[in-house]
Amino acid sequence: MPFTIDENSLLIKGRKGDTASFTFNFNQDISAYTVHFYVKKNLNTSDGIIEKEYVNPNTNSVTIELTTEDTEKLTAQANSYTTYYWGLKINNGSDFAQTIIPTEFKNPPMMYIYPEIGAV
């Protein structure tokens, strides 16, 4: 099962230990910003299990790359999945910061992590 993202619900599904790549397009040039992607188990903690930072992307999009090492940090229940939450935020230093996903004060979208199959 490769990692997938549902464009409507923004639900991400994937297996522990697999790699993933997601491209987010913006309707403006974001080269002056830093893009932050994070994955959390608990919404009430400030630290993410996975945190990625992309400084000054060159276009109006950013591609989030999750490595095997990243997804190995996530746990998965046997014969089921574990639920995480993820989000995307941009900033340009201390003058401006905006949460892009989730929008409108909704809960962050979820990420379902399924167990690995086999070992390499």
PDB file of N, CA and C in Angstrom:
ATOM      1  N   MET A   1       0.847  -1.177   0.000  1.00  0.00           N
ATOM      2  CA  MET A   1       0.000   0.000   0.000  1.00  0.00           C
ATOM      3  C   MET A   1       0.889   1.236   0.000  1.00  0.00           C
ATOM      4  N   PRO A   2       0.948   1.971  -1.096  1.00  0.00           N
ATOM      5  CA  PRO A   2       1.705   3.228  -1.076  1.00  0.00           C
ATOM      6  C   PRO A   2       0.947   4.270  -0.260  1.00  0.00           C
ATOM      7  N   PHE A   3       1.652   5.294   0.179  1.00  0.00           N
ATOM      8  CA  PHE A   3       0.984   6.381   0.876  1.00  0.00           C
ATOM      9  C   PHE A   3       0.033   7.069  -0.095  1.00  0.00           C
ATOM     10  N   THR A   4      -1.164   7.409   0.394  1.00  0.00           N
ATOM     11  CA  THR A   4      -2.143   8.124  -0.414  1.00  0.00           C
ATOM     12  C   THR A   4      -2.689   9.287   0.397  1.00  0.00           C
ATOM     13  N   ILE A   5      -3.206  10.278  -0.304  1.00  0.00           N
ATOM     14  CA  ILE A   5      -3.878  11.396   0.353  1.00  0.00           C
ATOM     15  C   ILE A   5      -5.191  11.633  -0.377  1.00  0.00           C
ATOM     16  N   ASP A   6      -6.268  11.691   0.387  1.00  0.00           N
ATOM     17  CA  ASP A   6      -7.578  11.974  -0.174  1.00  0.00           C
ATOM     18  C   ASP A   6      -7.697  13.490  -0.334  1.00  0.00           C
ATOM     19  N   GLU A   7      -7.922  13.952  -1.552  1.00  0.00           N
ATOM     20  CA  GLU A   7      -7.937  15.392  -1.812  1.00  0.00           C
ATOM     21  C   GLU A   7      -9.102  16.117  -1.142  1.00  0.00           C
ATOM     22  N   ASN A   8     -10.170  15.427  -0.825  1.00  0.00           N
ATOM     23  CA  ASN A   8     -11.315  16.069  -0.171  1.00  0.00           C
ATOM     24  C   ASN A   8     -11.176  16.105   1.344  1.00  0.00           C
ATOM     25  N   SER A   9     -10.911  14.969   1.963  1.00  0.00           N
ATOM     26  CA  SER A   9     -10.828  14.902   3.430  1.00  0.00           C
ATOM     27  C   SER A   9      -9.420  15.173   3.948  1.00  0.00           C
ATOM     28  N   LEU A  10      -8.410  15.099   3.056  1.00  0.00           N
ATOM     29  CA  LEU A  10      -6.991  15.248   3.383  1.00  0.00           C
ATOM     30  C   LEU A  10      -6.478  14.108   4.261  1.00  0.00           C
ATOM     31  N   LEU A  11      -7.209  13.012   4.331  1.00  0.00           N
ATOM     32  CA  LEU A  11      -6.772  11.830   5.065  1.00  0.00           C
ATOM     33  C   LEU A  11      -5.592  11.199   4.335  1.00  0.00           C
ATOM     34  N   ILE A  12      -4.509  10.992   5.072  1.00  0.00           N
ATOM     35  CA  ILE A  12      -3.322  10.309   4.539  1.00  0.00           C
ATOM     36  C   ILE A  12      -3.327   8.898   5.094  1.00  0.00           C
ATOM     37  N   LYS A  13      -3.065   7.914   4.220  1.00  0.00           N
ATOM     38  CA  LYS A  13      -2.943   6.518   4.636  1.00  0.00           C
ATOM     39  C   LYS A  13      -1.618   5.973   4.127  1.00  0.00           C
ATOM     40  N   GLY A  14      -0.952   5.167   4.972  1.00  0.00           N
ATOM     41  CA  GLY A  14       0.302   4.560   4.563  1.00  0.00           C
ATOM     42  C   GLY A  14       0.786   3.537   5.562  1.00  0.00           C
ATOM     43  N   ARG A  15       1.876   2.871   5.195  1.00  0.00           N
ATOM     44  CA  ARG A  15       2.472   1.849   6.059  1.00  0.00           C
ATOM     45  C   ARG A  15       3.721   2.367   6.753  1.00  0.00           C
ATOM     46  N   LYS A  16       3.874   1.943   7.993  1.00  0.00           N
ATOM     47  CA  LYS A  16       5.077   2.233   8.774  1.00  0.00           C
ATOM     48  C   LYS A  16       6.284   1.744   7.984  1.00  0.00           C
ATOM     49  N   GLY A  17       7.313   2.575   7.869  1.00  0.00           N
ATOM     50  CA  GLY A  17       8.543   2.204   7.192  1.00  0.00           C
ATOM     51  C   GLY A  17       8.578   2.513   5.707  1.00  0.00           C
ATOM     52  N   ASP A  18       7.435   2.882   5.115  1.00  0.00           N
ATOM     53  CA  ASP A  18       7.397   3.233   3.693  1.00  0.00           C
ATOM     54  C   ASP A  18       7.721   4.708   3.508  1.00  0.00           C
ATOM     55  N   THR A  19       8.135   5.070   2.297  1.00  0.00           N
ATOM     56  CA  THR A  19       8.399   6.458   1.973  1.00  0.00           C
ATOM     57  C   THR A  19       7.154   7.088   1.351  1.00  0.00           C
ATOM     58  N   ALA A  20       7.107   8.413   1.361  1.00  0.00           N
ATOM     59  CA  ALA A  20       5.958   9.119   0.795  1.00  0.00           C
ATOM     60  C   ALA A  20       6.401  10.466   0.258  1.00  0.00           C
ATOM     61  N   SER A  21       5.627  10.975  -0.691  1.00  0.00           N
ATOM     62  CA  SER A  21       5.882  12.281  -1.282  1.00  0.00           C
ATOM     63  C   SER A  21       4.533  12.929  -1.598  1.00  0.00           C
ATOM     64  N   PHE A  22       4.315  14.138  -1.069  1.00  0.00           N
ATOM     65  CA  PHE A  22       3.078  14.870  -1.291  1.00  0.00           C
ATOM     66  C   PHE A  22       3.417  16.283  -1.746  1.00  0.00           C
ATOM     67  N   THR A  23       2.792  16.749  -2.809  1.00  0.00           N
ATOM     68  CA  THR A  23       3.004  18.113  -3.292  1.00  0.00           C
ATOM     69  C   THR A  23       1.782  18.958  -2.979  1.00  0.00           C
ATOM     70  N   PHE A  24       2.027  20.107  -2.351  1.00  0.00           N
ATOM     71  CA  PHE A  24       0.974  21.060  -2.030  1.00  0.00           C
ATOM     72  C   PHE A  24       1.191  22.301  -2.886  1.00  0.00           C
ATOM     73  N   ASN A  25       0.155  22.703  -3.603  1.00  0.00           N
ATOM     74  CA  ASN A  25       0.215  23.868  -4.474  1.00  0.00           C
ATOM     75  C   ASN A  25      -0.453  25.055  -3.806  1.00  0.00           C
ATOM     76  N   PHE A  26       0.164  26.222  -3.954  1.00  0.00           N
ATOM     77  CA  PHE A  26      -0.356  27.461  -3.391  1.00  0.00           C
ATOM     78  C   PHE A  26      -0.755  28.384  -4.534  1.00  0.00           C
ATOM     79  N   ASN A  27      -1.655  29.305  -4.268  1.00  0.00           N
ATOM     80  CA  ASN A  27      -2.098  30.217  -5.320  1.00  0.00           C
ATOM     81  C   ASN A  27      -1.250  31.478  -5.383  1.00  0.00           C
ATOM     82  N   GLN A  28      -0.073  31.438  -4.790  1.00  0.00           N
ATOM     83  CA  GLN A  28       0.858  32.568  -4.831  1.00  0.00           C
ATOM     84  C   GLN A  28       2.279  32.060  -4.661  1.00  0.00           C
ATOM     85  N   ASP A  29       3.229  32.912  -4.954  1.00  0.00           N
ATOM     86  CA  ASP A  29       4.637  32.592  -4.791  1.00  0.00           C
ATOM     87  C   ASP A  29       4.950  32.483  -3.297  1.00  0.00           C
ATOM     88  N   ILE A  30       5.517  31.372  -2.875  1.00  0.00           N
ATOM     89  CA  ILE A  30       5.831  31.178  -1.450  1.00  0.00           C
ATOM     90  C   ILE A  30       7.343  31.165  -1.205  1.00  0.00           C
ATOM     91  N   SER A  31       8.122  31.670  -2.157  1.00  0.00           N
ATOM     92  CA  SER A  31       9.579  31.608  -2.026  1.00  0.00           C
ATOM     93  C   SER A  31      10.123  32.454  -0.875  1.00  0.00           C
ATOM     94  N   ALA A  32       9.346  33.376  -0.353  1.00  0.00           N
ATOM     95  CA  ALA A  32       9.798  34.192   0.782  1.00  0.00           C
ATOM     96  C   ALA A  32       9.469  33.546   2.127  1.00  0.00           C
ATOM     97  N   TYR A  33       8.885  32.360   2.104  1.00  0.00           N
ATOM     98  CA  TYR A  33       8.392  31.724   3.323  1.00  0.00           C
ATOM     99  C   TYR A  33       9.147  30.441   3.658  1.00  0.00           C
ATOM    100  N   THR A  34       8.926  30.001   4.879  1.00  0.00           N
ATOM    101  CA  THR A  34       9.350  28.678   5.315  1.00  0.00           C
ATOM    102  C   THR A  34       8.084  27.868   5.527  1.00  0.00           C
ATOM    103  N   VAL A  35       8.058  26.666   4.992  1.00  0.00           N
ATOM    104  CA  VAL A  35       6.896  25.791   5.112  1.00  0.00           C
ATOM    105  C   VAL A  35       7.211  24.724   6.153  1.00  0.00           C
ATOM    106  N   HIS A  36       6.295  24.517   7.085  1.00  0.00           N
ATOM    107  CA  HIS A  36       6.450  23.523   8.140  1.00  0.00           C
ATOM    108  C   HIS A  36       5.369  22.455   7.979  1.00  0.00           C
ATOM    109  N   PHE A  37       5.785  21.195   7.967  1.00  0.00           N
ATOM    110  CA  PHE A  37       4.870  20.057   7.948  1.00  0.00           C
ATOM    111  C   PHE A  37       5.102  19.298   9.237  1.00  0.00           C
ATOM    112  N   TYR A  38       4.028  18.898   9.905  1.00  0.00           N
ATOM    113  CA  TYR A  38       4.193  18.169  11.153  1.00  0.00           C
ATOM    114  C   TYR A  38       3.159  17.063  11.274  1.00  0.00           C
ATOM    115  N   VAL A  39       3.537  16.021  12.013  1.00  0.00           N
ATOM    116  CA  VAL A  39       2.657  14.902  12.334  1.00  0.00           C
ATOM    117  C   VAL A  39       2.699  14.736  13.846  1.00  0.00           C
ATOM    118  N   LYS A  40       1.499  14.674  14.466  1.00  0.00           N
ATOM    119  CA  LYS A  40       1.393  14.540  15.916  1.00  0.00           C
ATOM    120  C   LYS A  40       0.473  13.384  16.268  1.00  0.00           C
ATOM    121  N   LYS A  41       0.749  12.755  17.381  1.00  0.00           N
ATOM    122  CA  LYS A  41      -0.148  11.725  17.919  1.00  0.00           C
ATOM    123  C   LYS A  41      -1.238  12.374  18.751  1.00  0.00           C
ATOM    124  N   ASN A  42      -0.884  13.413  19.471  1.00  0.00           N
ATOM    125  CA  ASN A  42      -1.797  14.074  20.386  1.00  0.00           C
ATOM    126  C   ASN A  42      -1.862  15.558  20.030  1.00  0.00           C
ATOM    127  N   LEU A  43      -3.047  16.082  19.853  1.00  0.00           N
ATOM    128  CA  LEU A  43      -3.206  17.491  19.471  1.00  0.00           C
ATOM    129  C   LEU A  43      -2.785  18.455  20.576  1.00  0.00           C
ATOM    130  N   ASN A  44      -2.700  17.986  21.807  1.00  0.00           N
ATOM    131  CA  ASN A  44      -2.391  18.866  22.929  1.00  0.00           C
ATOM    132  C   ASN A  44      -0.903  18.994  23.217  1.00  0.00           C
ATOM    133  N   THR A  45      -0.057  18.405  22.386  1.00  0.00           N
ATOM    134  CA  THR A  45       1.387  18.541  22.584  1.00  0.00           C
ATOM    135  C   THR A  45       1.949  19.505  21.551  1.00  0.00           C
ATOM    136  N   SER A  46       3.018  20.178  21.908  1.00  0.00           N
ATOM    137  CA  SER A  46       3.622  21.123  20.970  1.00  0.00           C
ATOM    138  C   SER A  46       4.621  20.433  20.043  1.00  0.00           C
ATOM    139  N   ASP A  47       5.162  19.302  20.463  1.00  0.00           N
ATOM    140  CA  ASP A  47       6.163  18.607  19.656  1.00  0.00           C
ATOM    141  C   ASP A  47       5.517  17.608  18.713  1.00  0.00           C
ATOM    142  N   GLY A  48       5.995  17.608  17.490  1.00  0.00           N
ATOM    143  CA  GLY A  48       5.532  16.632  16.522  1.00  0.00           C
ATOM    144  C   GLY A  48       6.435  15.421  16.493  1.00  0.00           C
ATOM    145  N   ILE A  49       5.896  14.300  16.092  1.00  0.00           N
ATOM    146  CA  ILE A  49       6.692  13.086  15.918  1.00  0.00           C
ATOM    147  C   ILE A  49       7.535  13.229  14.663  1.00  0.00           C
ATOM    148  N   ILE A  50       6.931  13.793  13.634  1.00  0.00           N
ATOM    149  CA  ILE A  50       7.644  14.121  12.404  1.00  0.00           C
ATOM    150  C   ILE A  50       7.495  15.614  12.194  1.00  0.00           C
ATOM    151  N   GLU A  51       8.598  16.294  11.964  1.00  0.00           N
ATOM    152  CA  GLU A  51       8.572  17.717  11.649  1.00  0.00           C
ATOM    153  C   GLU A  51       9.514  17.958  10.485  1.00  0.00           C
ATOM    154  N   LYS A  52       9.003  18.564   9.437  1.00  0.00           N
ATOM    155  CA  LYS A  52       9.789  18.878   8.245  1.00  0.00           C
ATOM    156  C   LYS A  52       9.728  20.375   8.025  1.00  0.00           C
ATOM    157  N   GLU A  53      10.845  20.944   7.578  1.00  0.00           N
ATOM    158  CA  GLU A  53      10.912  22.374   7.313  1.00  0.00           C
ATOM    159  C   GLU A  53      11.522  22.584   5.937  1.00  0.00           C
ATOM    160  N   TYR A  54      10.852  23.389   5.125  1.00  0.00           N
ATOM    161  CA  TYR A  54      11.313  23.690   3.777  1.00  0.00           C
ATOM    162  C   TYR A  54      11.476  25.200   3.682  1.00  0.00           C
ATOM    163  N   VAL A  55      12.733  25.659   3.631  1.00  0.00           N
ATOM    164  CA  VAL A  55      13.035  27.085   3.629  1.00  0.00           C
ATOM    165  C   VAL A  55      13.055  27.605   2.202  1.00  0.00           C
ATOM    166  N   ASN A  56      12.319  28.678   1.974  1.00  0.00           N
ATOM    167  CA  ASN A  56      12.287  29.378   0.689  1.00  0.00           C
ATOM    168  C   ASN A  56      12.111  28.454  -0.518  1.00  0.00           C
ATOM    169  N   PRO A  57      10.970  27.762  -0.593  1.00  0.00           N
ATOM    170  CA  PRO A  57      10.708  26.957  -1.791  1.00  0.00           C
ATOM    171  C   PRO A  57      10.781  27.847  -3.037  1.00  0.00           C
ATOM    172  N   ASN A  58      11.194  27.282  -4.161  1.00  0.00           N
ATOM    173  CA  ASN A  58      11.440  28.070  -5.372  1.00  0.00           C
ATOM    174  C   ASN A  58      10.193  28.388  -6.194  1.00  0.00           C
ATOM    175  N   THR A  59       9.075  27.812  -5.882  1.00  0.00           N
ATOM    176  CA  THR A  59       7.892  27.984  -6.722  1.00  0.00           C
ATOM    177  C   THR A  59       6.668  28.263  -5.869  1.00  0.00           C
ATOM    178  N   ASN A  60       5.503  28.024  -6.435  1.00  0.00           N
ATOM    179  CA  ASN A  60       4.272  28.171  -5.669  1.00  0.00           C
ATOM    180  C   ASN A  60       3.786  26.819  -5.154  1.00  0.00           C
ATOM    181  N   SER A  61       4.718  25.885  -4.997  1.00  0.00           N
ATOM    182  CA  SER A  61       4.377  24.577  -4.429  1.00  0.00           C
ATOM    183  C   SER A  61       5.526  24.087  -3.557  1.00  0.00           C
ATOM    184  N   VAL A  62       5.208  23.117  -2.711  1.00  0.00           N
ATOM    185  CA  VAL A  62       6.232  22.470  -1.892  1.00  0.00           C
ATOM    186  C   VAL A  62       5.927  20.977  -1.887  1.00  0.00           C
ATOM    187  N   THR A  63       6.977  20.182  -1.985  1.00  0.00           N
ATOM    188  CA  THR A  63       6.827  18.734  -1.948  1.00  0.00           C
ATOM    189  C   THR A  63       7.358  18.220  -0.622  1.00  0.00           C
ATOM    190  N   ILE A  64       6.488  17.601   0.134  1.00  0.00           N
ATOM    191  CA  ILE A  64       6.851  17.018   1.425  1.00  0.00           C
ATOM    192  C   ILE A  64       7.361  15.604   1.166  1.00  0.00           C
ATOM    193  N   GLU A  65       8.560  15.321   1.625  1.00  0.00           N
ATOM    194  CA  GLU A  65       9.166  14.002   1.454  1.00  0.00           C
ATOM    195  C   GLU A  65       9.279  13.324   2.818  1.00  0.00           C
ATOM    196  N   LEU A  66       8.650  12.162   2.952  1.00  0.00           N
ATOM    197  CA  LEU A  66       8.781  11.360   4.169  1.00  0.00           C
ATOM    198  C   LEU A  66       9.686  10.174   3.856  1.00  0.00           C
ATOM    199  N   THR A  67      10.722  10.015   4.652  1.00  0.00           N
ATOM    200  CA  THR A  67      11.676   8.924   4.466  1.00  0.00           C
ATOM    201  C   THR A  67      11.262   7.715   5.295  1.00  0.00           C
ATOM    202  N   THR A  68      11.937   6.604   5.054  1.00  0.00           N
ATOM    203  CA  THR A  68      11.720   5.414   5.877  1.00  0.00           C
ATOM    204  C   THR A  68      11.978   5.737   7.346  1.00  0.00           C
ATOM    205  N   GLU A  69      13.027   6.517   7.612  1.00  0.00           N
ATOM    206  CA  GLU A  69      13.350   6.888   8.995  1.00  0.00           C
ATOM    207  C   GLU A  69      12.220   7.693   9.626  1.00  0.00           C
ATOM    208  N   ASP A  70      11.582   8.550   8.835  1.00  0.00           N
ATOM    209  CA  ASP A  70      10.454   9.331   9.353  1.00  0.00           C
ATOM    210  C   ASP A  70       9.295   8.419   9.744  1.00  0.00           C
ATOM    211  N   THR A  71       8.870   7.562   8.823  1.00  0.00           N
ATOM    212  CA  THR A  71       7.679   6.748   9.092  1.00  0.00           C
ATOM    213  C   THR A  71       7.953   5.608  10.063  1.00  0.00           C
ATOM    214  N   GLU A  72       9.218   5.268  10.282  1.00  0.00           N
ATOM    215  CA  GLU A  72       9.558   4.275  11.314  1.00  0.00           C
ATOM    216  C   GLU A  72       9.275   4.824  12.710  1.00  0.00           C
ATOM    217  N   LYS A  73       9.201   6.143  12.861  1.00  0.00           N
ATOM    218  CA  LYS A  73       8.907   6.761  14.157  1.00  0.00           C
ATOM    219  C   LYS A  73       7.442   6.578  14.552  1.00  0.00           C
ATOM    220  N   LEU A  74       6.603   6.215  13.588  1.00  0.00           N
ATOM    221  CA  LEU A  74       5.172   6.068  13.827  1.00  0.00           C
ATOM    222  C   LEU A  74       4.867   4.634  14.221  1.00  0.00           C
ATOM    223  N   THR A  75       3.936   4.450  15.128  1.00  0.00           N
ATOM    224  CA  THR A  75       3.561   3.105  15.543  1.00  0.00           C
ATOM    225  C   THR A  75       2.320   2.668  14.781  1.00  0.00           C
ATOM    226  N   ALA A  76       2.144   1.363  14.692  1.00  0.00           N
ATOM    227  CA  ALA A  76       0.965   0.814  14.027  1.00  0.00           C
ATOM    228  C   ALA A  76       0.494  -0.398  14.804  1.00  0.00           C
ATOM    229  N   GLN A  77      -0.806  -0.528  14.937  1.00  0.00           N
ATOM    230  CA  GLN A  77      -1.387  -1.666  15.643  1.00  0.00           C
ATOM    231  C   GLN A  77      -1.489  -2.852  14.687  1.00  0.00           C
ATOM    232  N   ALA A  78      -1.240  -4.033  15.193  1.00  0.00           N
ATOM    233  CA  ALA A  78      -1.385  -5.241  14.380  1.00  0.00           C
ATOM    234  C   ALA A  78      -2.829  -5.369  13.908  1.00  0.00           C
ATOM    235  N   ASN A  79      -2.999  -5.711  12.645  1.00  0.00           N
ATOM    236  CA  ASN A  79      -4.318  -5.914  12.037  1.00  0.00           C
ATOM    237  C   ASN A  79      -5.210  -4.679  12.085  1.00  0.00           C
ATOM    238  N   SER A  80      -4.619  -3.494  12.235  1.00  0.00           N
ATOM    239  CA  SER A  80      -5.400  -2.267  12.298  1.00  0.00           C
ATOM    240  C   SER A  80      -4.497  -1.105  11.894  1.00  0.00           C
ATOM    241  N   TYR A  81      -4.832   0.081  12.333  1.00  0.00           N
ATOM    242  CA  TYR A  81      -4.011   1.256  12.067  1.00  0.00           C
ATOM    243  C   TYR A  81      -3.996   2.135  13.307  1.00  0.00           C
ATOM    244  N   THR A  82      -3.036   3.052  13.339  1.00  0.00           N
ATOM    245  CA  THR A  82      -2.938   4.037  14.405  1.00  0.00           C
ATOM    246  C   THR A  82      -3.227   5.397  13.796  1.00  0.00           C
ATOM    247  N   THR A  83      -3.992   6.214  14.504  1.00  0.00           N
ATOM    248  CA  THR A  83      -4.377   7.526  13.999  1.00  0.00           C
ATOM    249  C   THR A  83      -3.412   8.602  14.493  1.00  0.00           C
ATOM    250  N   TYR A  84      -2.960   9.422  13.563  1.00  0.00           N
ATOM    251  CA  TYR A  84      -2.142  10.600  13.845  1.00  0.00           C
ATOM    252  C   TYR A  84      -2.842  11.804  13.222  1.00  0.00           C
ATOM    253  N   TYR A  85      -2.335  12.991  13.527  1.00  0.00           N
ATOM    254  CA  TYR A  85      -2.857  14.233  12.965  1.00  0.00           C
ATOM    255  C   TYR A  85      -1.705  14.970  12.299  1.00  0.00           C
ATOM    256  N   TRP A  86      -2.003  15.674  11.207  1.00  0.00           N
ATOM    257  CA  TRP A  86      -0.942  16.398  10.522  1.00  0.00           C
ATOM    258  C   TRP A  86      -1.405  17.801  10.157  1.00  0.00           C
ATOM    259  N   GLY A  87      -0.445  18.675   9.875  1.00  0.00           N
ATOM    260  CA  GLY A  87      -0.769  20.042   9.504  1.00  0.00           C
ATOM    261  C   GLY A  87       0.344  20.672   8.697  1.00  0.00           C
ATOM    262  N   LEU A  88       0.035  21.829   8.127  1.00  0.00           N
ATOM    263  CA  LEU A  88       0.965  22.573   7.285  1.00  0.00           C
ATOM    264  C   LEU A  88       0.868  24.038   7.668  1.00  0.00           C
ATOM    265  N   LYS A  89       2.018  24.667   7.907  1.00  0.00           N
ATOM    266  CA  LYS A  89       2.052  26.061   8.336  1.00  0.00           C
ATOM    267  C   LYS A  89       3.148  26.781   7.564  1.00  0.00           C
ATOM    268  N   ILE A  90       2.942  28.065   7.254  1.00  0.00           N
ATOM    269  CA  ILE A  90       3.990  28.857   6.617  1.00  0.00           C
ATOM    270  C   ILE A  90       4.317  30.045   7.508  1.00  0.00           C
ATOM    271  N   ASN A  91       5.562  30.531   7.410  1.00  0.00           N
ATOM    272  CA  ASN A  91       5.944  31.759   8.109  1.00  0.00           C
ATOM    273  C   ASN A  91       7.114  32.410   7.394  1.00  0.00           C
ATOM    274  N   ASN A  92       7.328  33.678   7.694  1.00  0.00           N
ATOM    275  CA  ASN A  92       8.504  34.391   7.172  1.00  0.00           C
ATOM    276  C   ASN A  92       9.212  35.086   8.326  1.00  0.00           C
ATOM    277  N   GLY A  93       9.657  34.321   9.253  1.00  0.00           N
ATOM    278  CA  GLY A  93      10.305  34.865  10.442  1.00  0.00           C
ATOM    279  C   GLY A  93       9.274  35.193  11.493  1.00  0.00           C
ATOM    280  N   SER A  94       9.496  36.256  12.227  1.00  0.00           N
ATOM    281  CA  SER A  94       8.588  36.604  13.318  1.00  0.00           C
ATOM    282  C   SER A  94       7.464  37.548  12.877  1.00  0.00           C
ATOM    283  N   ASP A  95       7.482  38.007  11.614  1.00  0.00           N
ATOM    284  CA  ASP A  95       6.479  38.964  11.152  1.00  0.00           C
ATOM    285  C   ASP A  95       5.164  38.338  10.724  1.00  0.00           C
ATOM    286  N   PHE A  96       5.202  37.078  10.269  1.00  0.00           N
ATOM    287  CA  PHE A  96       3.992  36.477   9.720  1.00  0.00           C
ATOM    288  C   PHE A  96       4.051  34.973   9.876  1.00  0.00           C
ATOM    289  N   ALA A  97       2.945  34.385  10.323  1.00  0.00           N
ATOM    290  CA  ALA A  97       2.787  32.932  10.384  1.00  0.00           C
ATOM    291  C   ALA A  97       1.324  32.624  10.139  1.00  0.00           C
ATOM    292  N   GLN A  98       1.073  31.581   9.364  1.00  0.00           N
ATOM    293  CA  GLN A  98      -0.306  31.196   9.090  1.00  0.00           C
ATOM    294  C   GLN A  98      -0.404  29.688   8.945  1.00  0.00           C
ATOM    295  N   THR A  99      -1.368  29.107   9.654  1.00  0.00           N
ATOM    296  CA  THR A  99      -1.664  27.697   9.487  1.00  0.00           C
ATOM    297  C   THR A  99      -2.493  27.550   8.217  1.00  0.00           C
ATOM    298  N   ILE A 100      -2.004  26.746   7.284  1.00  0.00           N
ATOM    299  CA  ILE A 100      -2.670  26.536   6.005  1.00  0.00           C
ATOM    300  C   ILE A 100      -3.621  25.343   6.100  1.00  0.00           C
ATOM    301  N   ILE A 101      -3.160  24.284   6.722  1.00  0.00           N
ATOM    302  CA  ILE A 101      -3.969  23.080   6.944  1.00  0.00           C
ATOM    303  C   ILE A 101      -3.811  22.720   8.406  1.00  0.00           C
ATOM    304  N   PRO A 102      -4.864  22.666   9.176  1.00  0.00           N
ATOM    305  CA  PRO A 102      -6.270  22.800   8.809  1.00  0.00           C
ATOM    306  C   PRO A 102      -6.667  24.270   8.671  1.00  0.00           C
ATOM    307  N   THR A 103      -7.750  24.507   7.961  1.00  0.00           N
ATOM    308  CA  THR A 103      -8.276  25.857   7.802  1.00  0.00           C
ATOM    309  C   THR A 103      -9.556  25.998   8.610  1.00  0.00           C
ATOM    310  N   GLU A 104      -9.986  27.216   8.782  1.00  0.00           N
ATOM    311  CA  GLU A 104     -11.265  27.529   9.419  1.00  0.00           C
ATOM    312  C   GLU A 104     -11.443  26.903  10.802  1.00  0.00           C
ATOM    313  N   PHE A 105     -10.357  26.793  11.556  1.00  0.00           N
ATOM    314  CA  PHE A 105     -10.390  26.326  12.945  1.00  0.00           C
ATOM    315  C   PHE A 105     -10.956  24.921  13.088  1.00  0.00           C
ATOM    316  N   LYS A 106     -10.794  24.123  12.070  1.00  0.00           N
ATOM    317  CA  LYS A 106     -11.223  22.730  12.128  1.00  0.00           C
ATOM    318  C   LYS A 106     -10.091  21.890  12.697  1.00  0.00           C
ATOM    319  N   ASN A 107     -10.437  20.664  13.099  1.00  0.00           N
ATOM    320  CA  ASN A 107      -9.410  19.747  13.570  1.00  0.00           C
ATOM    321  C   ASN A 107      -8.462  19.406  12.433  1.00  0.00           C
ATOM    322  N   PRO A 108      -7.198  19.162  12.752  1.00  0.00           N
ATOM    323  CA  PRO A 108      -6.247  18.781  11.711  1.00  0.00           C
ATOM    324  C   PRO A 108      -6.679  17.484  11.022  1.00  0.00           C
ATOM    325  N   PRO A 109      -6.311  17.343   9.758  1.00  0.00           N
ATOM    326  CA  PRO A 109      -6.629  16.093   9.068  1.00  0.00           C
ATOM    327  C   PRO A 109      -5.877  14.933   9.702  1.00  0.00           C
ATOM    328  N   MET A 110      -6.370  13.747   9.467  1.00  0.00           N
ATOM    329  CA  MET A 110      -5.790  12.556  10.084  1.00  0.00           C
ATOM    330  C   MET A 110      -4.843  11.831   9.137  1.00  0.00           C
ATOM    331  N   MET A 111      -4.007  11.030   9.754  1.00  0.00           N
ATOM    332  CA  MET A 111      -3.095  10.135   9.045  1.00  0.00           C
ATOM    333  C   MET A 111      -3.261   8.759   9.678  1.00  0.00           C
ATOM    334  N   TYR A 112      -3.573   7.756   8.868  1.00  0.00           N
ATOM    335  CA  TYR A 112      -3.688   6.379   9.346  1.00  0.00           C
ATOM    336  C   TYR A 112      -2.416   5.634   8.962  1.00  0.00           C
ATOM    337  N   ILE A 113      -1.755   5.062   9.975  1.00  0.00           N
ATOM    338  CA  ILE A 113      -0.539   4.298   9.730  1.00  0.00           C
ATOM    339  C   ILE A 113      -0.835   2.825   9.990  1.00  0.00           C
ATOM    340  N   TYR A 114      -0.595   2.018   8.960  1.00  0.00           N
ATOM    341  CA  TYR A 114      -0.803   0.573   9.011  1.00  0.00           C
ATOM    342  C   TYR A 114       0.538  -0.117   9.275  1.00  0.00           C
ATOM    343  N   PRO A 115       0.498  -1.364   9.770  1.00  0.00           N
ATOM    344  CA  PRO A 115       1.750  -2.076  10.079  1.00  0.00           C
ATOM    345  C   PRO A 115       2.580  -2.363   8.821  1.00  0.00           C
ATOM    346  N   GLU A 116       3.895  -2.504   9.044  1.00  0.00           N
ATOM    347  CA  GLU A 116       4.795  -2.917   7.971  1.00  0.00           C
ATOM    348  C   GLU A 116       4.457  -4.336   7.542  1.00  0.00           C
ATOM    349  N   ILE A 117       4.773  -4.640   6.326  1.00  0.00           N
ATOM    350  CA  ILE A 117       4.653  -6.020   5.858  1.00  0.00           C
ATOM    351  C   ILE A 117       6.055  -6.478   5.495  1.00  0.00           C
ATOM    352  N   GLY A 118       6.558  -7.438   6.248  1.00  0.00           N
ATOM    353  CA  GLY A 118       7.888  -7.959   5.990  1.00  0.00           C
ATOM    354  C   GLY A 118       8.971  -6.992   6.394  1.00  0.00           C
ATOM    355  N   ALA A 119      10.184  -7.437   6.348  1.00  0.00           N
ATOM    356  CA  ALA A 119      11.347  -6.601   6.651  1.00  0.00           C
ATOM    357  C   ALA A 119      12.335  -6.741   5.510  1.00  0.00           C
ATOM    358  N   VAL A 120      13.049  -5.673   5.246  1.00  0.00           N
ATOM    359  CA  VAL A 120      14.008  -5.680   4.146  1.00  0.00           C
ATOM    360  C   VAL A 120      15.346  -6.167   4.629  1.00  0.00           C
TER     361      VAL A 120
END
